[in-house]
Amino acid sequence: MAFSEEILLGIYHDLKVKSVLLFMLFSLIAGFLLSNQSPINADLSRIVRSPFIAGTISFIIGTLFLGVLALTMSGRLFPSGAFIRTQPMWIWLGGLLGAVYLTLELSN
């Protein structure tokens, strides 16, 4: 193996280790956030005295965050109309299912 190949393989190995560590950190953060979501939403529901208002607040905040993220990462908020028309109708149910889940969670 040439000297430059050894350097490149070493750099590749370092990047691979760093990316694995980064994904492990992301997993820890996601687990922390997910385990705290229900109690936070329950507190919000109790404070505003309505699971529907709490769900609305939660979705507005989430929508604003995702909108900023979408604009930052891809430069647009929505897919093209042509793309939307060519997709099966059931793929748009994810948001509705999330809203139903959140409302049921907040109602308990």
C-alpha atoms as a PDB file:
ATOM      1  CA  MET A   1       0.000   0.000   0.000  1.00  0.00           C
ATOM      2  CA  ALA A   2       1.298   3.434  -0.892  1.00  0.00           C
ATOM      3  CA  PHE A   3       1.768   6.082   1.761  1.00  0.00           C
ATOM      4  CA  SER A   4      -1.119   8.194   0.417  1.00  0.00           C
ATOM      5  CA  GLU A   5      -3.475   5.200   0.517  1.00  0.00           C
ATOM      6  CA  GLU A   6      -2.635   4.633   4.185  1.00  0.00           C
ATOM      7  CA  ILE A   7      -3.411   8.265   4.946  1.00  0.00           C
ATOM      8  CA  LEU A   8      -6.703   8.109   3.030  1.00  0.00           C
ATOM      9  CA  LEU A   9      -7.729   4.881   4.773  1.00  0.00           C
ATOM     10  CA  GLY A  10      -6.872   6.430   8.138  1.00  0.00           C
ATOM     11  CA  ILE A  11      -8.953   9.514   7.357  1.00  0.00           C
ATOM     12  CA  TYR A  12     -11.832   7.298   6.173  1.00  0.00           C
ATOM     13  CA  HIS A  13     -11.656   5.264   9.389  1.00  0.00           C
ATOM     14  CA  ASP A  14     -11.663   8.436  11.517  1.00  0.00           C
ATOM     15  CA  LEU A  15     -14.687   9.807   9.645  1.00  0.00           C
ATOM     16  CA  LYS A  16     -16.496   6.487   9.990  1.00  0.00           C
ATOM     17  CA  VAL A  17     -15.885   6.411  13.756  1.00  0.00           C
ATOM     18  CA  LYS A  18     -16.983  10.045  14.106  1.00  0.00           C
ATOM     19  CA  SER A  19     -20.181   9.439  12.117  1.00  0.00           C
ATOM     20  CA  VAL A  20     -21.036   6.401  14.261  1.00  0.00           C
ATOM     21  CA  LEU A  21     -20.484   8.454  17.410  1.00  0.00           C
ATOM     22  CA  LEU A  22     -22.613  11.262  15.982  1.00  0.00           C
ATOM     23  CA  PHE A  23     -25.470   8.857  15.224  1.00  0.00           C
ATOM     24  CA  MET A  24     -25.177   7.413  18.737  1.00  0.00           C
ATOM     25  CA  LEU A  25     -25.473  10.932  20.143  1.00  0.00           C
ATOM     26  CA  PHE A  26     -28.511  11.608  17.924  1.00  0.00           C
ATOM     27  CA  SER A  27     -30.105   8.387  19.195  1.00  0.00           C
ATOM     28  CA  LEU A  28     -29.577   9.410  22.811  1.00  0.00           C
ATOM     29  CA  ILE A  29     -31.058  12.849  22.180  1.00  0.00           C
ATOM     30  CA  ALA A  30     -34.043  11.350  20.312  1.00  0.00           C
ATOM     31  CA  GLY A  31     -34.693   8.918  23.166  1.00  0.00           C
ATOM     32  CA  PHE A  32     -34.545  11.728  25.708  1.00  0.00           C
ATOM     33  CA  LEU A  33     -36.919  13.901  23.693  1.00  0.00           C
ATOM     34  CA  LEU A  34     -39.364  11.085  23.001  1.00  0.00           C
ATOM     35  CA  SER A  35     -39.525   9.989  26.636  1.00  0.00           C
ATOM     36  CA  ASN A  36     -40.236  13.566  27.723  1.00  0.00           C
ATOM     37  CA  GLN A  37     -42.813  14.384  25.052  1.00  0.00           C
ATOM     38  CA  SER A  38     -45.799  12.700  26.740  1.00  0.00           C
ATOM     39  CA  PRO A  39     -45.339  14.277  30.189  1.00  0.00           C
ATOM     40  CA  ILE A  40     -44.742  17.707  28.643  1.00  0.00           C
ATOM     41  CA  ASN A  41     -47.865  17.392  26.479  1.00  0.00           C
ATOM     42  CA  ALA A  42     -49.868  16.169  29.488  1.00  0.00           C
ATOM     43  CA  ASP A  43     -48.761  19.209  31.489  1.00  0.00           C
ATOM     44  CA  LEU A  44     -49.707  21.495  28.605  1.00  0.00           C
ATOM     45  CA  SER A  45     -53.136  19.861  28.375  1.00  0.00           C
ATOM     46  CA  ARG A  46     -53.659  20.299  32.122  1.00  0.00           C
ATOM     47  CA  ILE A  47     -52.538  23.945  32.043  1.00  0.00           C
ATOM     48  CA  VAL A  48     -54.755  24.979  29.109  1.00  0.00           C
ATOM     49  CA  ARG A  49     -57.553  22.633  30.304  1.00  0.00           C
ATOM     50  CA  SER A  50     -58.195  21.156  26.881  1.00  0.00           C
ATOM     51  CA  PRO A  51     -56.513  18.358  24.941  1.00  0.00           C
ATOM     52  CA  PHE A  52     -57.610  20.019  21.698  1.00  0.00           C
ATOM     53  CA  ILE A  53     -56.042  23.380  22.516  1.00  0.00           C
ATOM     54  CA  ALA A  54     -52.906  21.617  23.764  1.00  0.00           C
ATOM     55  CA  GLY A  55     -52.742  19.596  20.541  1.00  0.00           C
ATOM     56  CA  THR A  56     -53.202  22.739  18.468  1.00  0.00           C
ATOM     57  CA  ILE A  57     -50.421  24.529  20.353  1.00  0.00           C
ATOM     58  CA  SER A  58     -48.145  21.517  19.991  1.00  0.00           C
ATOM     59  CA  PHE A  59     -48.786  21.203  16.256  1.00  0.00           C
ATOM     60  CA  ILE A  60     -48.345  24.946  15.628  1.00  0.00           C
ATOM     61  CA  ILE A  61     -44.968  24.927  17.370  1.00  0.00           C
ATOM     62  CA  GLY A  62     -43.943  21.752  15.538  1.00  0.00           C
ATOM     63  CA  THR A  63     -45.118  23.151  12.196  1.00  0.00           C
ATOM     64  CA  LEU A  64     -43.153  26.369  12.686  1.00  0.00           C
ATOM     65  CA  PHE A  65     -40.022  24.407  13.616  1.00  0.00           C
ATOM     66  CA  LEU A  66     -40.349  22.048  10.644  1.00  0.00           C
ATOM     67  CA  GLY A  67     -41.098  24.965   8.299  1.00  0.00           C
ATOM     68  CA  VAL A  68     -37.878  26.718   9.295  1.00  0.00           C
ATOM     69  CA  LEU A  69     -35.989  23.427   8.986  1.00  0.00           C
ATOM     70  CA  ALA A  70     -37.487  22.704   5.545  1.00  0.00           C
ATOM     71  CA  LEU A  71     -36.633  26.183   4.261  1.00  0.00           C
ATOM     72  CA  THR A  72     -33.125  25.952   5.669  1.00  0.00           C
ATOM     73  CA  MET A  73     -32.389  22.476   4.349  1.00  0.00           C
ATOM     74  CA  SER A  74     -34.181  22.426   0.985  1.00  0.00           C
ATOM     75  CA  GLY A  75     -35.157  26.016   0.238  1.00  0.00           C
ATOM     76  CA  ARG A  76     -38.864  25.200  -0.058  1.00  0.00           C
ATOM     77  CA  LEU A  77     -41.800  24.380   2.191  1.00  0.00           C
ATOM     78  CA  PHE A  78     -43.841  22.058  -0.027  1.00  0.00           C
ATOM     79  CA  PRO A  79     -43.239  19.584  -2.840  1.00  0.00           C
ATOM     80  CA  SER A  80     -44.349  20.593  -6.318  1.00  0.00           C
ATOM     81  CA  GLY A  81     -47.977  20.283  -7.357  1.00  0.00           C
ATOM     82  CA  ALA A  82     -47.000  17.733 -10.001  1.00  0.00           C
ATOM     83  CA  PHE A  83     -45.357  15.575  -7.334  1.00  0.00           C
ATOM     84  CA  ILE A  84     -48.388  15.837  -5.040  1.00  0.00           C
ATOM     85  CA  ARG A  85     -50.802  14.818  -7.823  1.00  0.00           C
ATOM     86  CA  THR A  86     -48.790  11.704  -8.712  1.00  0.00           C
ATOM     87  CA  GLN A  87     -48.675  10.245  -5.190  1.00  0.00           C
ATOM     88  CA  PRO A  88     -51.235   7.865  -3.677  1.00  0.00           C
ATOM     89  CA  MET A  89     -53.766   9.626  -1.449  1.00  0.00           C
ATOM     90  CA  TRP A  90     -52.950   7.536   1.631  1.00  0.00           C
ATOM     91  CA  ILE A  91     -49.462   9.034   2.045  1.00  0.00           C
ATOM     92  CA  TRP A  92     -51.035  12.315   3.175  1.00  0.00           C
ATOM     93  CA  LEU A  93     -52.718  10.648   6.169  1.00  0.00           C
ATOM     94  CA  GLY A  94     -49.588  10.758   8.361  1.00  0.00           C
ATOM     95  CA  GLY A  95     -50.376  14.204   9.724  1.00  0.00           C
ATOM     96  CA  LEU A  96     -53.973  13.248  10.476  1.00  0.00           C
ATOM     97  CA  LEU A  97     -52.864  10.076  12.255  1.00  0.00           C
ATOM     98  CA  GLY A  98     -50.345  12.094  14.265  1.00  0.00           C
ATOM     99  CA  ALA A  99     -53.051  14.556  15.292  1.00  0.00           C
ATOM    100  CA  VAL A 100     -55.386  11.728  16.349  1.00  0.00           C
ATOM    101  CA  TYR A 101     -52.591  10.064  18.332  1.00  0.00           C
ATOM    102  CA  LEU A 102     -51.625  13.308  20.069  1.00  0.00           C
ATOM    103  CA  THR A 103     -55.247  14.119  20.923  1.00  0.00           C
ATOM    104  CA  LEU A 104     -55.817  10.642  22.376  1.00  0.00           C
ATOM    105  CA  GLU A 105     -52.579  10.916  24.344  1.00  0.00           C
ATOM    106  CA  LEU A 106     -53.595  14.299  25.746  1.00  0.00           C
ATOM    107  CA  SER A 107     -57.098  13.087  26.618  1.00  0.00           C
ATOM    108  CA  ASN A 108     -55.785  10.549  29.139  1.00  0.00           C
END
